[in-house]
Amino acid sequence: MAATTCKHGDLLYCLFQKQQDILMWKKWRRTKQLEFCIVTEMIRTSHLVHKGMVNICHGLYPEPAVLNDMTFGNKIALLSGDYLLANSCMELAALRNQDLVELMSSAVRDLAEGEFVGRRDQQNNPLPSPQGVSDATEDWTLRNVLSAGSLLGKSCQGTLKLAGHGTELQEQGYKFGKHLALAWQACLDLEPFIAGSQYASGSMFNLTSAPVLFHLEHDPSLFTEIDKGVESVQNVDYDKVHSIVSKGPGISQTKQLQKEHSQKAMEVLQVFRESDARTALSNIIVAMGDL
């Protein structure tokens, strides 16, 4: 059961575990690594469940039946997310490694902090920072390190800590996970704007994605449309924003951003010993550039 729990994003983490630990043949060490993998996945899933909660503003749901359903849904999301987070804390404590507990606690803190960066609408959906507040690359990096890069990076760092490796190698593990997460996020941000994507005209996409932020830096006039989403991002004309961004320099800049983080992840990966798992991780990084 433990092995099958490592899926989706944690496939990368499991491969990283396999390629770095020369002592993985010991059964007790392998068990601890798999338990730590489960902890990471539960933390990530609990965060996603909590994000699904709806801010029930006064008058948003005038129909009593609808209001009751939404309230019940919020309770289920809150309890489910708390249950997963509580279990992850118990599993983490069972590993009996105080440094690891502190490390992963900081990752949970970063996930929470990421939900308060920049402007938000009433449902806490992110909006680009006002013009002139921050550089587009810095803004995008801060948001995505907190919301994704920190967890994957500190998970890779934690598995090196569990394996008994030194501080220097642990830091390399963090850098690998962080840059890999940022490279993948750049790929996801590009998806609605590339030819052959499944994007449907007028459908919603992330207004703080790299292509949008880069375009706003190039052409601040787009803020006129973006600012319509201050109350709700649903008020934004996504078809218009998509059309404008698709013709601007944001696409090429995002591709370059993805390439830079992929290269950095690949450079860090060369620090670790050669193995089939390292080759698999390298192939994943290369494949991202072909998307």
C-alpha atoms as a PDB file:
ATOM      1  CA  MET A   1       0.000   0.000   0.000  1.00  0.00           C
ATOM      2  CA  ALA A   2       2.809   2.398   0.842  1.00  0.00           C
ATOM      3  CA  ALA A   3       4.373   1.996  -2.571  1.00  0.00           C
ATOM      4  CA  THR A   4       1.152   2.652  -4.442  1.00  0.00           C
ATOM      5  CA  THR A   5       0.571   5.854  -2.502  1.00  0.00           C
ATOM      6  CA  CYS A   6       3.600   7.481  -4.191  1.00  0.00           C
ATOM      7  CA  LYS A   7       1.981   8.789  -7.369  1.00  0.00           C
ATOM      8  CA  HIS A   8       1.481  11.966  -9.415  1.00  0.00           C
ATOM      9  CA  GLY A   9       3.985  14.598  -8.194  1.00  0.00           C
ATOM     10  CA  ASP A  10       5.526  12.168  -5.754  1.00  0.00           C
ATOM     11  CA  LEU A  11       6.644   9.930  -8.611  1.00  0.00           C
ATOM     12  CA  LEU A  12       9.492  12.436  -8.986  1.00  0.00           C
ATOM     13  CA  TYR A  13      10.140  12.287  -5.264  1.00  0.00           C
ATOM     14  CA  CYS A  14      10.236   8.478  -5.229  1.00  0.00           C
ATOM     15  CA  LEU A  15      12.716   8.456  -8.114  1.00  0.00           C
ATOM     16  CA  PHE A  16      14.848  10.975  -6.245  1.00  0.00           C
ATOM     17  CA  GLN A  17      14.798   8.762  -3.174  1.00  0.00           C
ATOM     18  CA  LYS A  18      15.917   5.760  -5.202  1.00  0.00           C
ATOM     19  CA  GLN A  19      18.812   7.445  -6.991  1.00  0.00           C
ATOM     20  CA  GLN A  20      20.425   9.123  -3.981  1.00  0.00           C
ATOM     21  CA  ASP A  21      20.450   6.575  -1.204  1.00  0.00           C
ATOM     22  CA  ILE A  22      23.242   4.011  -1.394  1.00  0.00           C
ATOM     23  CA  LEU A  23      21.908   2.372   1.780  1.00  0.00           C
ATOM     24  CA  MET A  24      18.350   1.809   0.542  1.00  0.00           C
ATOM     25  CA  TRP A  25      18.892  -1.981   0.642  1.00  0.00           C
ATOM     26  CA  LYS A  26      18.261  -1.821   4.390  1.00  0.00           C
ATOM     27  CA  LYS A  27      14.611  -2.640   4.984  1.00  0.00           C
ATOM     28  CA  TRP A  28      14.133  -0.210   7.865  1.00  0.00           C
ATOM     29  CA  ARG A  29      15.536   2.671   5.806  1.00  0.00           C
ATOM     30  CA  ARG A  30      13.355   1.856   2.820  1.00  0.00           C
ATOM     31  CA  THR A  31      10.282   1.797   5.071  1.00  0.00           C
ATOM     32  CA  LYS A  32      11.112   5.214   6.504  1.00  0.00           C
ATOM     33  CA  GLN A  33      11.571   6.677   3.033  1.00  0.00           C
ATOM     34  CA  LEU A  34       8.202   5.370   1.874  1.00  0.00           C
ATOM     35  CA  GLU A  35       6.520   6.688   5.011  1.00  0.00           C
ATOM     36  CA  PHE A  36       8.070  10.091   4.354  1.00  0.00           C
ATOM     37  CA  CYS A  37       6.781   9.936   0.774  1.00  0.00           C
ATOM     38  CA  ILE A  38       3.257   9.385   2.115  1.00  0.00           C
ATOM     39  CA  VAL A  39       3.674  12.332   4.491  1.00  0.00           C
ATOM     40  CA  THR A  40       4.593  14.611   1.585  1.00  0.00           C
ATOM     41  CA  GLU A  41       1.619  13.495  -0.483  1.00  0.00           C
ATOM     42  CA  MET A  42      -0.810  13.946   2.422  1.00  0.00           C
ATOM     43  CA  ILE A  43       0.468  17.476   3.050  1.00  0.00           C
ATOM     44  CA  ARG A  44       0.027  18.375  -0.611  1.00  0.00           C
ATOM     45  CA  THR A  45      -3.440  16.821  -0.818  1.00  0.00           C
ATOM     46  CA  SER A  46      -4.635  18.457   2.406  1.00  0.00           C
ATOM     47  CA  HIS A  47      -3.614  21.838   1.013  1.00  0.00           C
ATOM     48  CA  LEU A  48      -5.539  21.236  -2.220  1.00  0.00           C
ATOM     49  CA  VAL A  49      -8.631  20.149  -0.270  1.00  0.00           C
ATOM     50  CA  HIS A  50      -8.482  23.252   1.932  1.00  0.00           C
ATOM     51  CA  LYS A  51      -8.152  25.449  -1.159  1.00  0.00           C
ATOM     52  CA  GLY A  52     -11.462  24.054  -2.372  1.00  0.00           C
ATOM     53  CA  MET A  53     -13.358  25.891   0.369  1.00  0.00           C
ATOM     54  CA  VAL A  54     -15.665  28.700  -0.756  1.00  0.00           C
ATOM     55  CA  ASN A  55     -15.816  32.110   0.895  1.00  0.00           C
ATOM     56  CA  ILE A  56     -19.564  32.470   1.535  1.00  0.00           C
ATOM     57  CA  CYS A  57     -20.082  36.224   1.386  1.00  0.00           C
ATOM     58  CA  HIS A  58     -23.357  37.805   2.499  1.00  0.00           C
ATOM     59  CA  GLY A  59     -25.902  37.516  -0.302  1.00  0.00           C
ATOM     60  CA  LEU A  60     -23.744  35.265  -2.476  1.00  0.00           C
ATOM     61  CA  TYR A  61     -26.213  32.374  -2.191  1.00  0.00           C
ATOM     62  CA  PRO A  62     -29.686  33.806  -1.557  1.00  0.00           C
ATOM     63  CA  GLU A  63     -31.403  30.425  -1.925  1.00  0.00           C
ATOM     64  CA  PRO A  64     -31.421  28.638   1.491  1.00  0.00           C
ATOM     65  CA  ALA A  65     -31.009  25.198  -0.068  1.00  0.00           C
ATOM     66  CA  VAL A  66     -27.949  26.276  -2.065  1.00  0.00           C
ATOM     67  CA  LEU A  67     -26.488  28.044   0.965  1.00  0.00           C
ATOM     68  CA  ASN A  68     -26.903  24.902   3.080  1.00  0.00           C
ATOM     69  CA  ASP A  69     -25.204  22.772   0.422  1.00  0.00           C
ATOM     70  CA  MET A  70     -22.265  25.159   0.149  1.00  0.00           C
ATOM     71  CA  THR A  71     -21.905  25.365   3.929  1.00  0.00           C
ATOM     72  CA  PHE A  72     -21.944  21.581   4.200  1.00  0.00           C
ATOM     73  CA  GLY A  73     -19.349  21.351   1.416  1.00  0.00           C
ATOM     74  CA  ASN A  74     -17.093  23.759   3.280  1.00  0.00           C
ATOM     75  CA  LYS A  75     -17.369  21.691   6.451  1.00  0.00           C
ATOM     76  CA  ILE A  76     -16.432  18.516   4.580  1.00  0.00           C
ATOM     77  CA  ALA A  77     -13.461  20.239   2.902  1.00  0.00           C
ATOM     78  CA  LEU A  78     -12.258  21.665   6.207  1.00  0.00           C
ATOM     79  CA  LEU A  79     -12.580  18.387   8.102  1.00  0.00           C
ATOM     80  CA  SER A  80     -11.077  16.286   5.289  1.00  0.00           C
ATOM     81  CA  GLY A  81      -8.112  18.604   4.875  1.00  0.00           C
ATOM     82  CA  ASP A  82      -7.546  18.760   8.633  1.00  0.00           C
ATOM     83  CA  TYR A  83      -7.736  14.970   8.871  1.00  0.00           C
ATOM     84  CA  LEU A  84      -5.079  14.510   6.189  1.00  0.00           C
ATOM     85  CA  LEU A  85      -2.853  17.179   7.711  1.00  0.00           C
ATOM     86  CA  ALA A  86      -3.210  15.708  11.205  1.00  0.00           C
ATOM     87  CA  ASN A  87      -2.316  12.241   9.947  1.00  0.00           C
ATOM     88  CA  SER A  88       0.677  13.593   8.086  1.00  0.00           C
ATOM     89  CA  CYS A  89       1.877  15.195  11.331  1.00  0.00           C
ATOM     90  CA  MET A  90       1.468  11.887  13.181  1.00  0.00           C
ATOM     91  CA  GLU A  91       3.362   9.970  10.503  1.00  0.00           C
ATOM     92  CA  LEU A  92       6.074  12.616  10.451  1.00  0.00           C
ATOM     93  CA  ALA A  93       6.469  12.481  14.227  1.00  0.00           C
ATOM     94  CA  ALA A  94       6.705   8.683  14.052  1.00  0.00           C
ATOM     95  CA  LEU A  95       9.893   9.034  12.004  1.00  0.00           C
ATOM     96  CA  ARG A  96      11.504  10.419  15.195  1.00  0.00           C
ATOM     97  CA  ASN A  97      13.651  13.018  13.466  1.00  0.00           C
ATOM     98  CA  GLN A  98      13.275  16.490  14.967  1.00  0.00           C
ATOM     99  CA  ASP A  99      15.161  18.229  12.157  1.00  0.00           C
ATOM    100  CA  LEU A 100      12.864  16.610   9.602  1.00  0.00           C
ATOM    101  CA  VAL A 101       9.775  17.730  11.544  1.00  0.00           C
ATOM    102  CA  GLU A 102      11.063  21.304  11.582  1.00  0.00           C
ATOM    103  CA  LEU A 103      11.880  21.172   7.868  1.00  0.00           C
ATOM    104  CA  MET A 104       8.452  19.918   6.789  1.00  0.00           C
ATOM    105  CA  SER A 105       6.703  22.297   9.188  1.00  0.00           C
ATOM    106  CA  SER A 106       8.365  25.144   7.329  1.00  0.00           C
ATOM    107  CA  ALA A 107       7.067  23.667   4.053  1.00  0.00           C
ATOM    108  CA  VAL A 108       3.501  23.713   5.439  1.00  0.00           C
ATOM    109  CA  ARG A 109       4.085  27.316   6.561  1.00  0.00           C
ATOM    110  CA  ASP A 110       5.180  28.239   3.023  1.00  0.00           C
ATOM    111  CA  LEU A 111       2.036  26.678   1.531  1.00  0.00           C
ATOM    112  CA  ALA A 112      -0.115  28.775   3.856  1.00  0.00           C
ATOM    113  CA  GLU A 113       1.905  31.935   3.241  1.00  0.00           C
ATOM    114  CA  GLY A 114       1.547  31.469  -0.507  1.00  0.00           C
ATOM    115  CA  GLU A 115      -2.217  31.974  -0.160  1.00  0.00           C
ATOM    116  CA  PHE A 116      -1.653  35.539   1.081  1.00  0.00           C
ATOM    117  CA  VAL A 117       0.805  36.805  -1.542  1.00  0.00           C
ATOM    118  CA  GLY A 118      -0.419  39.620  -3.773  1.00  0.00           C
ATOM    119  CA  ARG A 119      -3.943  40.742  -4.528  1.00  0.00           C
ATOM    120  CA  ARG A 120      -6.892  38.375  -4.220  1.00  0.00           C
ATOM    121  CA  ASP A 121     -10.547  38.448  -5.179  1.00  0.00           C
ATOM    122  CA  GLN A 122     -13.295  37.629  -2.680  1.00  0.00           C
ATOM    123  CA  GLN A 123     -12.765  33.895  -3.228  1.00  0.00           C
ATOM    124  CA  ASN A 124      -9.009  34.246  -2.671  1.00  0.00           C
ATOM    125  CA  ASN A 125      -8.215  33.671  -6.341  1.00  0.00           C
ATOM    126  CA  PRO A 126      -4.876  35.342  -7.139  1.00  0.00           C
ATOM    127  CA  LEU A 127      -4.567  38.544  -9.145  1.00  0.00           C
ATOM    128  CA  PRO A 128      -1.389  40.177 -10.497  1.00  0.00           C
ATOM    129  CA  SER A 129       0.269  42.693  -8.218  1.00  0.00           C
ATOM    130  CA  PRO A 130      -0.392  46.368  -9.099  1.00  0.00           C
ATOM    131  CA  GLN A 131       1.846  47.944 -11.696  1.00  0.00           C
ATOM    132  CA  GLY A 132       5.311  48.835 -10.431  1.00  0.00           C
ATOM    133  CA  VAL A 133       5.069  46.849  -7.182  1.00  0.00           C
ATOM    134  CA  SER A 134       7.411  44.036  -8.200  1.00  0.00           C
ATOM    135  CA  ASP A 135       9.320  42.556 -11.119  1.00  0.00           C
ATOM    136  CA  ALA A 136       7.335  39.945 -13.072  1.00  0.00           C
ATOM    137  CA  THR A 137       9.948  37.214 -12.645  1.00  0.00           C
ATOM    138  CA  GLU A 138      10.343  37.915  -8.917  1.00  0.00           C
ATOM    139  CA  ASP A 139       6.569  37.983  -8.389  1.00  0.00           C
ATOM    140  CA  TRP A 140       6.035  34.707 -10.253  1.00  0.00           C
ATOM    141  CA  THR A 141       8.958  33.012  -8.517  1.00  0.00           C
ATOM    142  CA  LEU A 142       7.814  34.049  -5.036  1.00  0.00           C
ATOM    143  CA  ARG A 143       4.269  32.812  -5.615  1.00  0.00           C
ATOM    144  CA  ASN A 144       5.333  29.453  -7.001  1.00  0.00           C
ATOM    145  CA  VAL A 145       8.211  28.728  -4.640  1.00  0.00           C
ATOM    146  CA  LEU A 146       5.792  29.128  -1.751  1.00  0.00           C
ATOM    147  CA  SER A 147       2.939  27.180  -3.351  1.00  0.00           C
ATOM    148  CA  ALA A 148       4.911  24.335  -4.965  1.00  0.00           C
ATOM    149  CA  GLY A 149       8.684  24.639  -5.030  1.00  0.00           C
ATOM    150  CA  SER A 150       9.136  24.698  -1.275  1.00  0.00           C
ATOM    151  CA  LEU A 151       7.282  21.425  -0.643  1.00  0.00           C
ATOM    152  CA  LEU A 152       9.018  19.454  -3.382  1.00  0.00           C
ATOM    153  CA  GLY A 153      12.390  20.994  -2.588  1.00  0.00           C
ATOM    154  CA  LYS A 154      12.172  20.329   1.139  1.00  0.00           C
ATOM    155  CA  SER A 155      10.867  16.818   0.489  1.00  0.00           C
ATOM    156  CA  CYS A 156      13.977  16.079  -1.567  1.00  0.00           C
ATOM    157  CA  GLN A 157      16.093  17.712   1.141  1.00  0.00           C
ATOM    158  CA  GLY A 158      14.329  15.636   3.785  1.00  0.00           C
ATOM    159  CA  THR A 159      14.968  12.341   2.072  1.00  0.00           C
ATOM    160  CA  LEU A 160      18.687  13.147   1.994  1.00  0.00           C
ATOM    161  CA  LYS A 161      18.519  13.995   5.675  1.00  0.00           C
ATOM    162  CA  LEU A 162      16.839  10.669   6.413  1.00  0.00           C
ATOM    163  CA  ALA A 163      19.558   8.877   4.472  1.00  0.00           C
ATOM    164  CA  GLY A 164      22.213  10.489   6.639  1.00  0.00           C
ATOM    165  CA  HIS A 165      23.811  12.719   3.990  1.00  0.00           C
ATOM    166  CA  GLY A 166      25.574  15.979   4.855  1.00  0.00           C
ATOM    167  CA  THR A 167      24.161  19.514   4.864  1.00  0.00           C
ATOM    168  CA  GLU A 168      25.789  20.450   1.554  1.00  0.00           C
ATOM    169  CA  LEU A 169      24.182  17.573  -0.330  1.00  0.00           C
ATOM    170  CA  GLN A 170      20.858  18.253   1.387  1.00  0.00           C
ATOM    171  CA  GLU A 171      20.966  21.809   0.049  1.00  0.00           C
ATOM    172  CA  GLN A 172      21.530  20.448  -3.455  1.00  0.00           C
ATOM    173  CA  GLY A 173      18.458  18.261  -2.989  1.00  0.00           C
ATOM    174  CA  TYR A 174      16.384  21.307  -2.080  1.00  0.00           C
ATOM    175  CA  LYS A 175      17.612  23.199  -5.146  1.00  0.00           C
ATOM    176  CA  PHE A 176      16.791  20.268  -7.412  1.00  0.00           C
ATOM    177  CA  GLY A 177      13.217  19.968  -6.123  1.00  0.00           C
ATOM    178  CA  LYS A 178      12.637  23.724  -6.229  1.00  0.00           C
ATOM    179  CA  HIS A 179      13.879  24.210  -9.788  1.00  0.00           C
ATOM    180  CA  LEU A 180      12.058  21.113 -11.023  1.00  0.00           C
ATOM    181  CA  ALA A 181       8.789  22.393  -9.525  1.00  0.00           C
ATOM    182  CA  LEU A 182       9.282  25.835 -11.091  1.00  0.00           C
ATOM    183  CA  ALA A 183      10.096  24.344 -14.498  1.00  0.00           C
ATOM    184  CA  TRP A 184       6.941  22.217 -14.346  1.00  0.00           C
ATOM    185  CA  GLN A 185       4.844  25.210 -13.266  1.00  0.00           C
ATOM    186  CA  ALA A 186       6.135  27.209 -16.232  1.00  0.00           C
ATOM    187  CA  CYS A 187       5.011  24.339 -18.501  1.00  0.00           C
ATOM    188  CA  LEU A 188       1.548  24.391 -16.920  1.00  0.00           C
ATOM    189  CA  ASP A 189       1.352  28.165 -17.341  1.00  0.00           C
ATOM    190  CA  LEU A 190       2.130  27.832 -21.047  1.00  0.00           C
ATOM    191  CA  GLU A 191      -0.514  25.187 -21.706  1.00  0.00           C
ATOM    192  CA  PRO A 192      -3.477  27.513 -22.461  1.00  0.00           C
ATOM    193  CA  PHE A 193      -1.375  29.543 -24.908  1.00  0.00           C
ATOM    194  CA  ILE A 194       0.341  26.906 -27.040  1.00  0.00           C
ATOM    195  CA  ALA A 195      -0.913  25.470 -30.306  1.00  0.00           C
ATOM    196  CA  GLY A 196      -2.725  22.171 -29.962  1.00  0.00           C
ATOM    197  CA  SER A 197      -3.717  22.709 -26.334  1.00  0.00           C
ATOM    198  CA  GLN A 198      -7.164  21.736 -25.085  1.00  0.00           C
ATOM    199  CA  TYR A 199      -7.921  25.291 -23.995  1.00  0.00           C
ATOM    200  CA  ALA A 200     -11.538  26.243 -24.763  1.00  0.00           C
ATOM    201  CA  SER A 201     -12.129  29.816 -25.853  1.00  0.00           C
ATOM    202  CA  GLY A 202     -13.355  31.976 -22.973  1.00  0.00           C
ATOM    203  CA  SER A 203     -12.584  29.452 -20.231  1.00  0.00           C
ATOM    204  CA  MET A 204     -10.757  30.605 -17.100  1.00  0.00           C
ATOM    205  CA  PHE A 205      -7.008  30.303 -16.572  1.00  0.00           C
ATOM    206  CA  ASN A 206      -4.547  31.530 -13.962  1.00  0.00           C
ATOM    207  CA  LEU A 207      -4.241  35.319 -14.141  1.00  0.00           C
ATOM    208  CA  THR A 208      -0.904  35.149 -12.314  1.00  0.00           C
ATOM    209  CA  SER A 209       0.604  32.689 -14.789  1.00  0.00           C
ATOM    210  CA  ALA A 210       3.992  33.633 -16.208  1.00  0.00           C
ATOM    211  CA  PRO A 211       2.741  34.636 -19.711  1.00  0.00           C
ATOM    212  CA  VAL A 212       0.203  37.060 -18.201  1.00  0.00           C
ATOM    213  CA  LEU A 213       2.672  38.586 -15.731  1.00  0.00           C
ATOM    214  CA  PHE A 214       5.329  39.040 -18.408  1.00  0.00           C
ATOM    215  CA  HIS A 215       2.820  40.651 -20.756  1.00  0.00           C
ATOM    216  CA  LEU A 216       1.606  43.031 -18.051  1.00  0.00           C
ATOM    217  CA  GLU A 217       5.195  44.147 -17.544  1.00  0.00           C
ATOM    218  CA  HIS A 218       5.439  44.782 -21.298  1.00  0.00           C
ATOM    219  CA  ASP A 219       1.959  46.288 -21.725  1.00  0.00           C
ATOM    220  CA  PRO A 220       0.396  47.624 -18.470  1.00  0.00           C
ATOM    221  CA  SER A 221      -2.778  48.611 -20.345  1.00  0.00           C
ATOM    222  CA  LEU A 222      -3.984  45.019 -19.839  1.00  0.00           C
ATOM    223  CA  PHE A 223      -4.489  45.903 -16.156  1.00  0.00           C
ATOM    224  CA  THR A 224      -7.693  47.636 -17.263  1.00  0.00           C
ATOM    225  CA  GLU A 225      -9.234  44.253 -17.994  1.00  0.00           C
ATOM    226  CA  ILE A 226      -7.481  42.362 -15.183  1.00  0.00           C
ATOM    227  CA  ASP A 227      -8.711  44.826 -12.554  1.00  0.00           C
ATOM    228  CA  LYS A 228     -12.306  43.878 -13.353  1.00  0.00           C
ATOM    229  CA  GLY A 229     -11.588  40.736 -11.348  1.00  0.00           C
ATOM    230  CA  VAL A 230     -10.948  42.519  -8.043  1.00  0.00           C
ATOM    231  CA  GLU A 231     -14.352  41.389  -6.774  1.00  0.00           C
ATOM    232  CA  SER A 232     -14.418  38.115  -8.714  1.00  0.00           C
ATOM    233  CA  VAL A 233     -12.047  36.746 -11.355  1.00  0.00           C
ATOM    234  CA  GLN A 234     -15.125  35.531 -13.212  1.00  0.00           C
ATOM    235  CA  ASN A 235     -15.770  39.154 -14.224  1.00  0.00           C
ATOM    236  CA  VAL A 236     -12.637  39.177 -16.393  1.00  0.00           C
ATOM    237  CA  ASP A 237     -13.007  38.686 -20.150  1.00  0.00           C
ATOM    238  CA  TYR A 238     -10.669  35.691 -20.466  1.00  0.00           C
ATOM    239  CA  ASP A 239     -11.099  35.443 -24.216  1.00  0.00           C
ATOM    240  CA  LYS A 240      -9.820  39.013 -24.553  1.00  0.00           C
ATOM    241  CA  VAL A 241      -6.903  38.480 -22.170  1.00  0.00           C
ATOM    242  CA  HIS A 242      -5.956  35.248 -23.921  1.00  0.00           C
ATOM    243  CA  SER A 243      -5.991  36.911 -27.331  1.00  0.00           C
ATOM    244  CA  ILE A 244      -3.805  39.814 -26.161  1.00  0.00           C
ATOM    245  CA  VAL A 245      -1.290  37.676 -24.258  1.00  0.00           C
ATOM    246  CA  SER A 246      -0.985  35.201 -27.146  1.00  0.00           C
ATOM    247  CA  LYS A 247       0.268  38.005 -29.402  1.00  0.00           C
ATOM    248  CA  GLY A 248       2.725  39.429 -26.886  1.00  0.00           C
ATOM    249  CA  PRO A 249       6.238  38.544 -25.689  1.00  0.00           C
ATOM    250  CA  GLY A 250       5.025  36.689 -22.583  1.00  0.00           C
ATOM    251  CA  ILE A 251       4.960  33.305 -24.324  1.00  0.00           C
ATOM    252  CA  SER A 252       8.595  33.397 -25.417  1.00  0.00           C
ATOM    253  CA  GLN A 253       9.706  34.753 -22.029  1.00  0.00           C
ATOM    254  CA  THR A 254       7.900  31.926 -20.247  1.00  0.00           C
ATOM    255  CA  LYS A 255       9.561  29.343 -22.487  1.00  0.00           C
ATOM    256  CA  GLN A 256      12.917  30.872 -21.600  1.00  0.00           C
ATOM    257  CA  LEU A 257      11.974  30.799 -17.900  1.00  0.00           C
ATOM    258  CA  GLN A 258      11.075  27.126 -18.145  1.00  0.00           C
ATOM    259  CA  LYS A 259      14.336  26.400 -19.935  1.00  0.00           C
ATOM    260  CA  GLU A 260      16.395  28.173 -17.261  1.00  0.00           C
ATOM    261  CA  HIS A 261      14.845  26.236 -14.386  1.00  0.00           C
ATOM    262  CA  SER A 262      15.118  22.949 -16.291  1.00  0.00           C
ATOM    263  CA  GLN A 263      18.815  23.583 -16.885  1.00  0.00           C
ATOM    264  CA  LYS A 264      19.384  24.417 -13.217  1.00  0.00           C
ATOM    265  CA  ALA A 265      17.587  21.228 -12.137  1.00  0.00           C
ATOM    266  CA  MET A 266      19.678  19.215 -14.607  1.00  0.00           C
ATOM    267  CA  GLU A 267      22.908  20.783 -13.324  1.00  0.00           C
ATOM    268  CA  VAL A 268      22.074  19.910  -9.734  1.00  0.00           C
ATOM    269  CA  LEU A 269      21.107  16.373 -10.722  1.00  0.00           C
ATOM    270  CA  GLN A 270      24.641  15.751 -12.000  1.00  0.00           C
ATOM    271  CA  VAL A 271      25.903  16.065  -8.404  1.00  0.00           C
ATOM    272  CA  PHE A 272      24.299  12.723  -7.541  1.00  0.00           C
ATOM    273  CA  ARG A 273      25.637   9.332  -8.504  1.00  0.00           C
ATOM    274  CA  GLU A 274      24.727   7.839 -11.865  1.00  0.00           C
ATOM    275  CA  SER A 275      21.805   5.396 -11.780  1.00  0.00           C
ATOM    276  CA  ASP A 276      18.683   4.365 -13.665  1.00  0.00           C
ATOM    277  CA  ALA A 277      16.619   6.646 -11.425  1.00  0.00           C
ATOM    278  CA  ARG A 278      18.825   9.645 -12.232  1.00  0.00           C
ATOM    279  CA  THR A 279      18.455   8.866 -15.927  1.00  0.00           C
ATOM    280  CA  ALA A 280      14.669   8.739 -15.515  1.00  0.00           C
ATOM    281  CA  LEU A 281      14.675  12.114 -13.767  1.00  0.00           C
ATOM    282  CA  SER A 282      16.846  13.559 -16.542  1.00  0.00           C
ATOM    283  CA  ASN A 283      14.423  12.226 -19.164  1.00  0.00           C
ATOM    284  CA  ILE A 284      11.511  13.869 -17.345  1.00  0.00           C
ATOM    285  CA  ILE A 285      13.309  17.213 -17.374  1.00  0.00           C
ATOM    286  CA  VAL A 286      14.114  16.879 -21.082  1.00  0.00           C
ATOM    287  CA  ALA A 287      10.514  15.878 -21.864  1.00  0.00           C
ATOM    288  CA  MET A 288       9.219  19.066 -20.238  1.00  0.00           C
ATOM    289  CA  GLY A 289      11.091  21.102 -22.814  1.00  0.00           C
ATOM    290  CA  ASP A 290       9.336  19.213 -25.617  1.00  0.00           C
ATOM    291  CA  LEU A 291       5.803  19.960 -24.371  1.00  0.00           C
END
